[in-house]
């Protein structure tokens, strides 16, 4: 019976999640390699990795805004068991990386391209000691924009394919604010020397599961909130006006430079998306596909934004699609 479960369910199952996260995954997590490194401007970046001598493929995971590598324990465990070395890190200003504001809960960045420079540093540090037959990128939400800008600006990259879940190629902005969002946040950023929350945002807020727009999985959602409650240093609130301005500029660049995205790219979008824009993802995919025949878009009907933390009925097809994409494009 156990063997049958392994064969038919290669990932952690929702009904066993609480047991797994407190036993097998917890034990696995204790074996992580971790540390901090200095970015180009001396800011400290937190990273962690899981490697095995028999693995000859790797995945770099770039998470979304407000997230931390610690939230990705289940995902890293599942992917590692599929034979991949895993490398991941916390973006500057969030998670266990150095915060950038006096108010630690403001999500801030000086320039969006700072995230790309950080990715350069992480790759140079973590991949210096091992060579791989195949290298892949997996990114969620804001991380999708970060890795896209990295690929667009680093034509000599050594990645074989990338998969982006709910990538931030556009965000939901009230209709009347759309024409003025970019100049407004640019002006607000210039008016103060100390970063402040963008209009309508505040500090970290733990919403009840019933009101959440992230996932249908109550057990995964409650674990994530409990994790942040037990590790308050992980908490992050709303973005600064400058973060919004810089992100809107980066989104424009993602769309303007699609010709530079030449590696096989899979975009997976959530059918019940309310954080980022599926329409913008469709536009990016259609434009990229004009010069890149290996750019495809898959919609998981019914799923919410956090496809990698969803209920099994949405999470499993998401992971299946990602792993099939990677296996189809690895080096011979």
C-alpha atoms as a PDB file:
ATOM      1  CA  UNK A   1       0.000   0.000   0.000  1.00  0.00           C
ATOM      2  CA  UNK A   2       2.771   2.457   0.886  1.00  0.00           C
ATOM      3  CA  UNK A   3       4.582   1.648  -2.343  1.00  0.00           C
ATOM      4  CA  UNK A   4       1.388   2.318  -4.282  1.00  0.00           C
ATOM      5  CA  UNK A   5       1.066   5.729  -2.603  1.00  0.00           C
ATOM      6  CA  UNK A   6       4.609   6.644  -3.543  1.00  0.00           C
ATOM      7  CA  UNK A   7       4.017   5.694  -7.154  1.00  0.00           C
ATOM      8  CA  UNK A   8       0.729   7.571  -7.523  1.00  0.00           C
ATOM      9  CA  UNK A   9       1.478  10.556  -5.251  1.00  0.00           C
ATOM     10  CA  UNK A  10       5.026  11.825  -5.745  1.00  0.00           C
ATOM     11  CA  UNK A  11       4.255  14.941  -3.671  1.00  0.00           C
ATOM     12  CA  UNK A  12       3.149  15.562  -0.102  1.00  0.00           C
ATOM     13  CA  UNK A  13      -0.597  15.039   0.148  1.00  0.00           C
ATOM     14  CA  UNK A  14      -2.865  17.539   1.828  1.00  0.00           C
ATOM     15  CA  UNK A  15      -4.534  15.081   4.184  1.00  0.00           C
ATOM     16  CA  UNK A  16      -1.074  14.053   5.414  1.00  0.00           C
ATOM     17  CA  UNK A  17       0.371  17.579   5.432  1.00  0.00           C
ATOM     18  CA  UNK A  18       0.314  18.215   9.186  1.00  0.00           C
ATOM     19  CA  UNK A  19       1.990  14.894   9.860  1.00  0.00           C
ATOM     20  CA  UNK A  20       4.590  15.385   7.130  1.00  0.00           C
ATOM     21  CA  UNK A  21       5.468  18.996   8.012  1.00  0.00           C
ATOM     22  CA  UNK A  22       6.110  18.046  11.636  1.00  0.00           C
ATOM     23  CA  UNK A  23       8.057  14.870  10.907  1.00  0.00           C
ATOM     24  CA  UNK A  24       9.655  14.021   7.541  1.00  0.00           C
ATOM     25  CA  UNK A  25       9.777  17.579   6.206  1.00  0.00           C
ATOM     26  CA  UNK A  26      10.932  18.964   9.550  1.00  0.00           C
ATOM     27  CA  UNK A  27      13.773  16.429   9.655  1.00  0.00           C
ATOM     28  CA  UNK A  28      14.657  17.216   6.044  1.00  0.00           C
ATOM     29  CA  UNK A  29      14.667  20.968   6.774  1.00  0.00           C
ATOM     30  CA  UNK A  30      17.229  20.521   9.547  1.00  0.00           C
ATOM     31  CA  UNK A  31      19.748  19.304   6.946  1.00  0.00           C
ATOM     32  CA  UNK A  32      19.704  22.531   4.942  1.00  0.00           C
ATOM     33  CA  UNK A  33      22.882  24.369   4.116  1.00  0.00           C
ATOM     34  CA  UNK A  34      22.367  28.051   4.843  1.00  0.00           C
ATOM     35  CA  UNK A  35      24.142  31.314   5.264  1.00  0.00           C
ATOM     36  CA  UNK A  36      24.253  34.970   4.325  1.00  0.00           C
ATOM     37  CA  UNK A  37      26.286  36.798   1.744  1.00  0.00           C
ATOM     38  CA  UNK A  38      26.932  40.433   0.996  1.00  0.00           C
ATOM     39  CA  UNK A  39      25.175  41.918  -1.992  1.00  0.00           C
ATOM     40  CA  UNK A  40      26.710  44.569  -4.272  1.00  0.00           C
ATOM     41  CA  UNK A  41      25.774  47.307  -1.762  1.00  0.00           C
ATOM     42  CA  UNK A  42      26.815  45.334   1.346  1.00  0.00           C
ATOM     43  CA  UNK A  43      23.229  44.305   2.231  1.00  0.00           C
ATOM     44  CA  UNK A  44      23.011  40.821   3.732  1.00  0.00           C
ATOM     45  CA  UNK A  45      21.130  38.189   1.709  1.00  0.00           C
ATOM     46  CA  UNK A  46      19.939  34.931   3.259  1.00  0.00           C
ATOM     47  CA  UNK A  47      20.246  31.755   1.197  1.00  0.00           C
ATOM     48  CA  UNK A  48      19.760  28.037   1.710  1.00  0.00           C
ATOM     49  CA  UNK A  49      20.307  24.914  -0.371  1.00  0.00           C
ATOM     50  CA  UNK A  50      19.800  21.154  -0.424  1.00  0.00           C
ATOM     51  CA  UNK A  51      22.225  19.035  -2.415  1.00  0.00           C
ATOM     52  CA  UNK A  52      22.981  15.356  -2.922  1.00  0.00           C
ATOM     53  CA  UNK A  53      26.053  13.809  -4.602  1.00  0.00           C
ATOM     54  CA  UNK A  54      23.853  11.788  -6.976  1.00  0.00           C
ATOM     55  CA  UNK A  55      21.864  14.793  -8.256  1.00  0.00           C
ATOM     56  CA  UNK A  56      23.014  16.222 -11.582  1.00  0.00           C
ATOM     57  CA  UNK A  57      20.162  18.718 -12.045  1.00  0.00           C
ATOM     58  CA  UNK A  58      19.318  21.840 -10.053  1.00  0.00           C
ATOM     59  CA  UNK A  59      16.471  24.286  -9.554  1.00  0.00           C
ATOM     60  CA  UNK A  60      16.849  27.858  -8.344  1.00  0.00           C
ATOM     61  CA  UNK A  61      13.641  29.055  -6.666  1.00  0.00           C
ATOM     62  CA  UNK A  62      12.810  32.774  -6.560  1.00  0.00           C
ATOM     63  CA  UNK A  63       9.874  33.453  -4.267  1.00  0.00           C
ATOM     64  CA  UNK A  64       7.273  36.215  -4.257  1.00  0.00           C
ATOM     65  CA  UNK A  65       6.852  39.437  -2.321  1.00  0.00           C
ATOM     66  CA  UNK A  66       6.482  38.987   1.481  1.00  0.00           C
ATOM     67  CA  UNK A  67       7.642  35.367   1.177  1.00  0.00           C
ATOM     68  CA  UNK A  68      10.610  33.511   2.660  1.00  0.00           C
ATOM     69  CA  UNK A  69      12.468  30.319   1.881  1.00  0.00           C
ATOM     70  CA  UNK A  70      11.079  29.012   5.186  1.00  0.00           C
ATOM     71  CA  UNK A  71       7.583  29.076   3.697  1.00  0.00           C
ATOM     72  CA  UNK A  72       8.758  26.790   0.881  1.00  0.00           C
ATOM     73  CA  UNK A  73       9.771  23.798   3.009  1.00  0.00           C
ATOM     74  CA  UNK A  74       7.167  21.440   1.532  1.00  0.00           C
ATOM     75  CA  UNK A  75       7.889  22.470  -2.050  1.00  0.00           C
ATOM     76  CA  UNK A  76      11.659  22.111  -1.614  1.00  0.00           C
ATOM     77  CA  UNK A  77      11.144  18.683  -0.019  1.00  0.00           C
ATOM     78  CA  UNK A  78       8.944  17.504  -2.897  1.00  0.00           C
ATOM     79  CA  UNK A  79      11.292  18.767  -5.616  1.00  0.00           C
ATOM     80  CA  UNK A  80      14.408  17.416  -3.907  1.00  0.00           C
ATOM     81  CA  UNK A  81      12.803  13.955  -3.797  1.00  0.00           C
ATOM     82  CA  UNK A  82      12.384  14.196  -7.575  1.00  0.00           C
ATOM     83  CA  UNK A  83      16.178  14.260  -7.956  1.00  0.00           C
ATOM     84  CA  UNK A  84      16.948  17.984  -8.049  1.00  0.00           C
ATOM     85  CA  UNK A  85      19.402  19.990  -5.988  1.00  0.00           C
ATOM     86  CA  UNK A  86      17.544  23.045  -4.711  1.00  0.00           C
ATOM     87  CA  UNK A  87      18.908  26.551  -4.220  1.00  0.00           C
ATOM     88  CA  UNK A  88      16.819  29.427  -2.927  1.00  0.00           C
ATOM     89  CA  UNK A  89      17.121  32.725  -1.092  1.00  0.00           C
ATOM     90  CA  UNK A  90      15.185  35.630   0.406  1.00  0.00           C
ATOM     91  CA  UNK A  91      14.939  38.830  -1.609  1.00  0.00           C
ATOM     92  CA  UNK A  92      16.446  41.921  -0.041  1.00  0.00           C
ATOM     93  CA  UNK A  93      14.084  43.628   2.362  1.00  0.00           C
ATOM     94  CA  UNK A  94      12.102  40.513   3.257  1.00  0.00           C
ATOM     95  CA  UNK A  95      12.330  37.119   4.923  1.00  0.00           C
ATOM     96  CA  UNK A  96      15.671  36.630   6.681  1.00  0.00           C
ATOM     97  CA  UNK A  97      17.557  38.957   4.350  1.00  0.00           C
ATOM     98  CA  UNK A  98      18.450  42.431   5.589  1.00  0.00           C
ATOM     99  CA  UNK A  99      15.496  44.821   5.833  1.00  0.00           C
ATOM    100  CA  UNK A 100      15.796  48.195   4.140  1.00  0.00           C
ATOM    101  CA  UNK A 101      13.582  50.459   6.265  1.00  0.00           C
ATOM    102  CA  UNK A 102      13.378  51.641   9.859  1.00  0.00           C
ATOM    103  CA  UNK A 103       9.898  50.110   9.840  1.00  0.00           C
ATOM    104  CA  UNK A 104      10.903  46.507   9.136  1.00  0.00           C
ATOM    105  CA  UNK A 105       7.475  45.641   7.759  1.00  0.00           C
ATOM    106  CA  UNK A 106       7.569  48.012   4.789  1.00  0.00           C
ATOM    107  CA  UNK A 107       8.334  46.107   1.586  1.00  0.00           C
ATOM    108  CA  UNK A 108      10.851  48.360  -0.122  1.00  0.00           C
ATOM    109  CA  UNK A 109      13.495  48.388  -2.839  1.00  0.00           C
ATOM    110  CA  UNK A 110      15.737  51.148  -4.160  1.00  0.00           C
ATOM    111  CA  UNK A 111      15.638  49.958  -7.770  1.00  0.00           C
ATOM    112  CA  UNK A 112      13.903  46.831  -9.013  1.00  0.00           C
ATOM    113  CA  UNK A 113      17.123  45.870 -10.762  1.00  0.00           C
ATOM    114  CA  UNK A 114      18.685  45.468  -7.293  1.00  0.00           C
ATOM    115  CA  UNK A 115      16.783  42.151  -7.135  1.00  0.00           C
ATOM    116  CA  UNK A 116      18.535  41.083 -10.344  1.00  0.00           C
ATOM    117  CA  UNK A 117      21.944  42.057  -8.962  1.00  0.00           C
ATOM    118  CA  UNK A 118      21.141  40.002  -5.870  1.00  0.00           C
ATOM    119  CA  UNK A 119      20.332  37.003  -8.047  1.00  0.00           C
ATOM    120  CA  UNK A 120      23.730  37.406  -9.710  1.00  0.00           C
ATOM    121  CA  UNK A 121      25.400  37.296  -6.296  1.00  0.00           C
ATOM    122  CA  UNK A 122      23.411  34.260  -5.175  1.00  0.00           C
ATOM    123  CA  UNK A 123      24.256  32.315  -8.327  1.00  0.00           C
ATOM    124  CA  UNK A 124      27.938  33.201  -8.152  1.00  0.00           C
ATOM    125  CA  UNK A 125      28.097  32.080  -4.528  1.00  0.00           C
ATOM    126  CA  UNK A 126      25.921  28.972  -4.418  1.00  0.00           C
ATOM    127  CA  UNK A 127      26.757  27.361  -7.759  1.00  0.00           C
ATOM    128  CA  UNK A 128      30.509  27.791  -7.627  1.00  0.00           C
ATOM    129  CA  UNK A 129      31.269  24.341  -6.245  1.00  0.00           C
ATOM    130  CA  UNK A 130      29.221  21.990  -8.424  1.00  0.00           C
ATOM    131  CA  UNK A 131      28.482  21.508 -12.123  1.00  0.00           C
ATOM    132  CA  UNK A 132      25.150  20.272 -13.444  1.00  0.00           C
ATOM    133  CA  UNK A 133      23.789  18.530 -16.502  1.00  0.00           C
ATOM    134  CA  UNK A 134      20.753  20.816 -16.383  1.00  0.00           C
ATOM    135  CA  UNK A 135      19.790  24.042 -14.613  1.00  0.00           C
ATOM    136  CA  UNK A 136      16.263  25.366 -14.166  1.00  0.00           C
ATOM    137  CA  UNK A 137      14.503  28.417 -12.779  1.00  0.00           C
ATOM    138  CA  UNK A 138      11.253  28.268 -10.818  1.00  0.00           C
ATOM    139  CA  UNK A 139       9.738  31.571  -9.746  1.00  0.00           C
ATOM    140  CA  UNK A 140       6.494  32.777  -8.221  1.00  0.00           C
ATOM    141  CA  UNK A 141       4.722  36.138  -8.565  1.00  0.00           C
ATOM    142  CA  UNK A 142       7.279  38.943  -8.015  1.00  0.00           C
ATOM    143  CA  UNK A 143      10.013  36.332  -8.400  1.00  0.00           C
ATOM    144  CA  UNK A 144       8.712  35.746 -11.925  1.00  0.00           C
ATOM    145  CA  UNK A 145       9.471  39.356 -12.848  1.00  0.00           C
ATOM    146  CA  UNK A 146      12.894  39.144 -11.183  1.00  0.00           C
ATOM    147  CA  UNK A 147      14.044  36.045 -13.071  1.00  0.00           C
ATOM    148  CA  UNK A 148      12.575  37.374 -16.329  1.00  0.00           C
ATOM    149  CA  UNK A 149      14.614  40.557 -15.969  1.00  0.00           C
ATOM    150  CA  UNK A 150      17.660  38.423 -15.124  1.00  0.00           C
ATOM    151  CA  UNK A 151      17.232  36.320 -18.267  1.00  0.00           C
ATOM    152  CA  UNK A 152      16.615  39.412 -20.401  1.00  0.00           C
ATOM    153  CA  UNK A 153      19.790  41.101 -19.192  1.00  0.00           C
ATOM    154  CA  UNK A 154      22.076  38.052 -19.044  1.00  0.00           C
ATOM    155  CA  UNK A 155      22.214  36.455 -22.507  1.00  0.00           C
ATOM    156  CA  UNK A 156      25.094  34.251 -21.346  1.00  0.00           C
ATOM    157  CA  UNK A 157      23.026  32.587 -18.604  1.00  0.00           C
ATOM    158  CA  UNK A 158      23.342  28.813 -18.297  1.00  0.00           C
ATOM    159  CA  UNK A 159      19.725  27.857 -17.569  1.00  0.00           C
ATOM    160  CA  UNK A 160      17.919  25.276 -19.690  1.00  0.00           C
ATOM    161  CA  UNK A 161      14.317  26.312 -18.973  1.00  0.00           C
ATOM    162  CA  UNK A 162      12.175  28.327 -16.577  1.00  0.00           C
ATOM    163  CA  UNK A 163       8.713  27.900 -15.081  1.00  0.00           C
ATOM    164  CA  UNK A 164       6.820  30.878 -13.675  1.00  0.00           C
ATOM    165  CA  UNK A 165       3.743  30.510 -11.456  1.00  0.00           C
ATOM    166  CA  UNK A 166       1.421  33.530 -11.399  1.00  0.00           C
ATOM    167  CA  UNK A 167       4.263  35.821 -12.565  1.00  0.00           C
ATOM    168  CA  UNK A 168       3.985  39.547 -11.876  1.00  0.00           C
ATOM    169  CA  UNK A 169       3.716  40.783 -15.463  1.00  0.00           C
ATOM    170  CA  UNK A 170       0.842  43.038 -14.428  1.00  0.00           C
ATOM    171  CA  UNK A 171      -0.963  43.763 -11.168  1.00  0.00           C
ATOM    172  CA  UNK A 172      -4.579  44.402 -10.247  1.00  0.00           C
ATOM    173  CA  UNK A 173      -5.011  48.164  -9.918  1.00  0.00           C
ATOM    174  CA  UNK A 174      -8.423  49.877  -9.581  1.00  0.00           C
ATOM    175  CA  UNK A 175      -9.535  51.076 -13.011  1.00  0.00           C
ATOM    176  CA  UNK A 176      -9.481  54.797 -12.167  1.00  0.00           C
ATOM    177  CA  UNK A 177      -5.959  54.564 -10.719  1.00  0.00           C
ATOM    178  CA  UNK A 178      -4.358  52.735 -13.651  1.00  0.00           C
ATOM    179  CA  UNK A 179      -3.423  55.816 -15.722  1.00  0.00           C
ATOM    180  CA  UNK A 180      -1.860  57.617 -12.736  1.00  0.00           C
ATOM    181  CA  UNK A 181      -0.394  54.753 -10.681  1.00  0.00           C
ATOM    182  CA  UNK A 182       3.124  55.045 -12.075  1.00  0.00           C
ATOM    183  CA  UNK A 183       3.537  58.847 -11.939  1.00  0.00           C
ATOM    184  CA  UNK A 184       1.720  59.026  -8.578  1.00  0.00           C
ATOM    185  CA  UNK A 185       4.022  56.509  -6.861  1.00  0.00           C
ATOM    186  CA  UNK A 186       7.048  58.144  -8.470  1.00  0.00           C
ATOM    187  CA  UNK A 187       6.015  61.525  -7.031  1.00  0.00           C
ATOM    188  CA  UNK A 188       5.221  60.050  -3.617  1.00  0.00           C
ATOM    189  CA  UNK A 189       8.657  58.400  -3.558  1.00  0.00           C
ATOM    190  CA  UNK A 190      10.351  61.718  -4.277  1.00  0.00           C
ATOM    191  CA  UNK A 191       8.467  63.554  -1.531  1.00  0.00           C
ATOM    192  CA  UNK A 192      10.020  61.672   1.384  1.00  0.00           C
ATOM    193  CA  UNK A 193      13.513  60.531   2.302  1.00  0.00           C
ATOM    194  CA  UNK A 194      12.149  57.735   4.512  1.00  0.00           C
ATOM    195  CA  UNK A 195      10.092  55.054   2.692  1.00  0.00           C
ATOM    196  CA  UNK A 196       6.405  55.003   3.515  1.00  0.00           C
ATOM    197  CA  UNK A 197       3.636  52.564   2.646  1.00  0.00           C
ATOM    198  CA  UNK A 198       1.997  53.051  -0.720  1.00  0.00           C
ATOM    199  CA  UNK A 199      -1.564  54.414  -0.433  1.00  0.00           C
ATOM    200  CA  UNK A 200      -3.958  51.786   0.919  1.00  0.00           C
ATOM    201  CA  UNK A 201      -1.286  49.542   2.463  1.00  0.00           C
ATOM    202  CA  UNK A 202      -0.220  48.871   6.055  1.00  0.00           C
ATOM    203  CA  UNK A 203       1.845  46.485   8.203  1.00  0.00           C
ATOM    204  CA  UNK A 204       1.615  42.687   8.266  1.00  0.00           C
ATOM    205  CA  UNK A 205      -1.963  41.472   8.551  1.00  0.00           C
ATOM    206  CA  UNK A 206      -2.899  37.836   9.131  1.00  0.00           C
ATOM    207  CA  UNK A 207      -6.232  37.408   7.378  1.00  0.00           C
ATOM    208  CA  UNK A 208      -8.583  34.598   8.428  1.00  0.00           C
ATOM    209  CA  UNK A 209      -8.544  31.649   6.044  1.00  0.00           C
ATOM    210  CA  UNK A 210     -12.141  32.376   5.047  1.00  0.00           C
ATOM    211  CA  UNK A 211     -11.139  35.817   3.710  1.00  0.00           C
ATOM    212  CA  UNK A 212      -7.876  34.854   2.035  1.00  0.00           C
ATOM    213  CA  UNK A 213      -7.287  35.223  -1.718  1.00  0.00           C
ATOM    214  CA  UNK A 214      -4.170  33.042  -1.811  1.00  0.00           C
ATOM    215  CA  UNK A 215      -5.217  29.383  -1.547  1.00  0.00           C
ATOM    216  CA  UNK A 216      -8.071  26.921  -1.061  1.00  0.00           C
ATOM    217  CA  UNK A 217      -5.880  24.774   1.207  1.00  0.00           C
ATOM    218  CA  UNK A 218      -6.813  25.525   4.796  1.00  0.00           C
ATOM    219  CA  UNK A 219      -4.147  23.261   6.290  1.00  0.00           C
ATOM    220  CA  UNK A 220      -1.310  24.795   4.250  1.00  0.00           C
ATOM    221  CA  UNK A 221      -2.590  28.333   4.835  1.00  0.00           C
ATOM    222  CA  UNK A 222      -2.877  27.891   8.618  1.00  0.00           C
ATOM    223  CA  UNK A 223       0.628  26.404   8.769  1.00  0.00           C
ATOM    224  CA  UNK A 224       2.044  29.378   6.846  1.00  0.00           C
ATOM    225  CA  UNK A 225       0.381  31.890   9.203  1.00  0.00           C
ATOM    226  CA  UNK A 226       1.532  29.934  12.268  1.00  0.00           C
ATOM    227  CA  UNK A 227       5.069  29.871  10.859  1.00  0.00           C
ATOM    228  CA  UNK A 228       5.087  33.664  10.608  1.00  0.00           C
ATOM    229  CA  UNK A 229       3.587  34.013  14.092  1.00  0.00           C
ATOM    230  CA  UNK A 230       6.300  31.801  15.575  1.00  0.00           C
ATOM    231  CA  UNK A 231       9.006  33.580  13.550  1.00  0.00           C
ATOM    232  CA  UNK A 232       7.894  37.239  13.567  1.00  0.00           C
ATOM    233  CA  UNK A 233      11.161  38.248  11.898  1.00  0.00           C
ATOM    234  CA  UNK A 234       9.674  36.810   8.682  1.00  0.00           C
ATOM    235  CA  UNK A 235       6.665  39.140   8.674  1.00  0.00           C
ATOM    236  CA  UNK A 236       6.324  41.782   5.983  1.00  0.00           C
ATOM    237  CA  UNK A 237       3.498  44.212   5.353  1.00  0.00           C
ATOM    238  CA  UNK A 238       2.526  46.306   2.349  1.00  0.00           C
ATOM    239  CA  UNK A 239       4.918  47.791  -0.213  1.00  0.00           C
ATOM    240  CA  UNK A 240       6.389  51.271  -0.222  1.00  0.00           C
ATOM    241  CA  UNK A 241       5.385  53.762  -2.888  1.00  0.00           C
ATOM    242  CA  UNK A 242       8.871  53.359  -4.370  1.00  0.00           C
ATOM    243  CA  UNK A 243       8.476  49.566  -4.566  1.00  0.00           C
ATOM    244  CA  UNK A 244       5.242  50.026  -6.520  1.00  0.00           C
ATOM    245  CA  UNK A 245       6.834  52.577  -8.850  1.00  0.00           C
ATOM    246  CA  UNK A 246       9.907  50.430  -9.472  1.00  0.00           C
ATOM    247  CA  UNK A 247       7.815  47.284  -9.974  1.00  0.00           C
ATOM    248  CA  UNK A 248       5.562  48.963 -12.532  1.00  0.00           C
ATOM    249  CA  UNK A 249       8.690  50.067 -14.419  1.00  0.00           C
ATOM    250  CA  UNK A 250      10.115  46.529 -14.289  1.00  0.00           C
ATOM    251  CA  UNK A 251       6.838  45.087 -15.586  1.00  0.00           C
ATOM    252  CA  UNK A 252       7.069  47.423 -18.582  1.00  0.00           C
ATOM    253  CA  UNK A 253      10.608  46.216 -19.258  1.00  0.00           C
ATOM    254  CA  UNK A 254       9.512  42.578 -19.054  1.00  0.00           C
ATOM    255  CA  UNK A 255       7.036  43.223 -21.868  1.00  0.00           C
ATOM    256  CA  UNK A 256       9.361  45.417 -23.924  1.00  0.00           C
ATOM    257  CA  UNK A 257      12.227  42.907 -24.041  1.00  0.00           C
ATOM    258  CA  UNK A 258      10.455  39.609 -24.762  1.00  0.00           C
ATOM    259  CA  UNK A 259      12.856  38.956 -27.652  1.00  0.00           C
ATOM    260  CA  UNK A 260      15.560  38.424 -25.048  1.00  0.00           C
ATOM    261  CA  UNK A 261      13.642  35.500 -23.515  1.00  0.00           C
ATOM    262  CA  UNK A 262      14.989  32.652 -25.622  1.00  0.00           C
ATOM    263  CA  UNK A 263      14.946  29.716 -23.202  1.00  0.00           C
ATOM    264  CA  UNK A 264      11.890  27.382 -22.922  1.00  0.00           C
ATOM    265  CA  UNK A 265       9.378  29.172 -20.709  1.00  0.00           C
ATOM    266  CA  UNK A 266       6.247  27.843 -19.023  1.00  0.00           C
ATOM    267  CA  UNK A 267       3.786  30.287 -17.473  1.00  0.00           C
ATOM    268  CA  UNK A 268       1.192  28.788 -15.137  1.00  0.00           C
ATOM    269  CA  UNK A 269      -1.690  31.004 -14.145  1.00  0.00           C
ATOM    270  CA  UNK A 270      -4.452  30.656 -11.565  1.00  0.00           C
ATOM    271  CA  UNK A 271      -8.028  30.588 -12.802  1.00  0.00           C
ATOM    272  CA  UNK A 272      -9.233  32.551  -9.745  1.00  0.00           C
ATOM    273  CA  UNK A 273      -6.362  35.044  -9.768  1.00  0.00           C
ATOM    274  CA  UNK A 274      -6.865  38.326  -7.893  1.00  0.00           C
ATOM    275  CA  UNK A 275      -3.308  39.509  -7.132  1.00  0.00           C
ATOM    276  CA  UNK A 276      -1.579  39.699 -10.507  1.00  0.00           C
ATOM    277  CA  UNK A 277      -3.005  40.019 -14.017  1.00  0.00           C
ATOM    278  CA  UNK A 278      -3.708  36.941 -16.129  1.00  0.00           C
ATOM    279  CA  UNK A 279      -4.362  39.240 -19.089  1.00  0.00           C
ATOM    280  CA  UNK A 280      -0.828  40.642 -18.780  1.00  0.00           C
ATOM    281  CA  UNK A 281       0.554  37.082 -18.614  1.00  0.00           C
ATOM    282  CA  UNK A 282      -1.333  36.208 -21.810  1.00  0.00           C
ATOM    283  CA  UNK A 283       0.082  39.275 -23.537  1.00  0.00           C
ATOM    284  CA  UNK A 284       3.617  38.424 -22.424  1.00  0.00           C
ATOM    285  CA  UNK A 285       3.264  34.828 -23.581  1.00  0.00           C
ATOM    286  CA  UNK A 286       1.844  35.738 -27.006  1.00  0.00           C
ATOM    287  CA  UNK A 287       4.544  38.339 -27.610  1.00  0.00           C
ATOM    288  CA  UNK A 288       7.357  36.056 -26.441  1.00  0.00           C
ATOM    289  CA  UNK A 289       6.043  33.162 -28.549  1.00  0.00           C
ATOM    290  CA  UNK A 290       6.543  35.237 -31.700  1.00  0.00           C
ATOM    291  CA  UNK A 291      10.311  34.799 -31.337  1.00  0.00           C
ATOM    292  CA  UNK A 292      10.437  31.864 -28.906  1.00  0.00           C
ATOM    293  CA  UNK A 293       8.524  28.748 -30.031  1.00  0.00           C
ATOM    294  CA  UNK A 294       9.007  27.170 -26.601  1.00  0.00           C
ATOM    295  CA  UNK A 295       6.921  29.666 -24.618  1.00  0.00           C
ATOM    296  CA  UNK A 296       3.604  28.273 -23.389  1.00  0.00           C
ATOM    297  CA  UNK A 297       0.893  29.296 -20.938  1.00  0.00           C
ATOM    298  CA  UNK A 298      -1.205  26.927 -18.817  1.00  0.00           C
ATOM    299  CA  UNK A 299      -4.224  27.970 -16.755  1.00  0.00           C
ATOM    300  CA  UNK A 300      -5.175  25.906 -13.696  1.00  0.00           C
ATOM    301  CA  UNK A 301      -8.913  26.491 -13.585  1.00  0.00           C
ATOM    302  CA  UNK A 302     -10.307  27.197 -10.127  1.00  0.00           C
ATOM    303  CA  UNK A 303      -6.943  27.784  -8.470  1.00  0.00           C
ATOM    304  CA  UNK A 304      -6.013  30.881  -6.478  1.00  0.00           C
ATOM    305  CA  UNK A 305      -2.779  32.874  -6.664  1.00  0.00           C
ATOM    306  CA  UNK A 306      -0.452  30.611  -4.685  1.00  0.00           C
ATOM    307  CA  UNK A 307      -0.411  27.624  -7.019  1.00  0.00           C
ATOM    308  CA  UNK A 308       2.498  26.003  -5.174  1.00  0.00           C
ATOM    309  CA  UNK A 309       0.554  26.107  -1.869  1.00  0.00           C
ATOM    310  CA  UNK A 310      -2.863  25.213  -3.217  1.00  0.00           C
ATOM    311  CA  UNK A 311      -5.104  22.240  -2.495  1.00  0.00           C
ATOM    312  CA  UNK A 312      -3.836  19.041  -4.090  1.00  0.00           C
ATOM    313  CA  UNK A 313      -6.332  19.216  -6.976  1.00  0.00           C
ATOM    314  CA  UNK A 314      -4.568  22.406  -8.145  1.00  0.00           C
ATOM    315  CA  UNK A 315      -1.068  21.902  -6.752  1.00  0.00           C
ATOM    316  CA  UNK A 316      -0.483  18.469  -8.279  1.00  0.00           C
ATOM    317  CA  UNK A 317      -1.189  19.503 -11.912  1.00  0.00           C
ATOM    318  CA  UNK A 318       0.957  22.589 -11.335  1.00  0.00           C
ATOM    319  CA  UNK A 319       3.939  20.522 -10.160  1.00  0.00           C
ATOM    320  CA  UNK A 320       3.330  17.899 -12.855  1.00  0.00           C
ATOM    321  CA  UNK A 321       3.459  20.602 -15.541  1.00  0.00           C
ATOM    322  CA  UNK A 322       6.619  22.158 -14.101  1.00  0.00           C
ATOM    323  CA  UNK A 323       8.496  18.861 -13.870  1.00  0.00           C
ATOM    324  CA  UNK A 324       7.357  17.772 -17.330  1.00  0.00           C
ATOM    325  CA  UNK A 325       8.549  21.124 -18.712  1.00  0.00           C
ATOM    326  CA  UNK A 326      11.943  20.693 -17.067  1.00  0.00           C
ATOM    327  CA  UNK A 327      12.387  17.066 -18.130  1.00  0.00           C
ATOM    328  CA  UNK A 328      11.470  17.981 -21.721  1.00  0.00           C
ATOM    329  CA  UNK A 329      14.194  20.608 -21.947  1.00  0.00           C
ATOM    330  CA  UNK A 330      17.136  19.248 -20.017  1.00  0.00           C
ATOM    331  CA  UNK A 331      20.455  18.692 -21.728  1.00  0.00           C
ATOM    332  CA  UNK A 332      21.061  15.258 -23.203  1.00  0.00           C
END
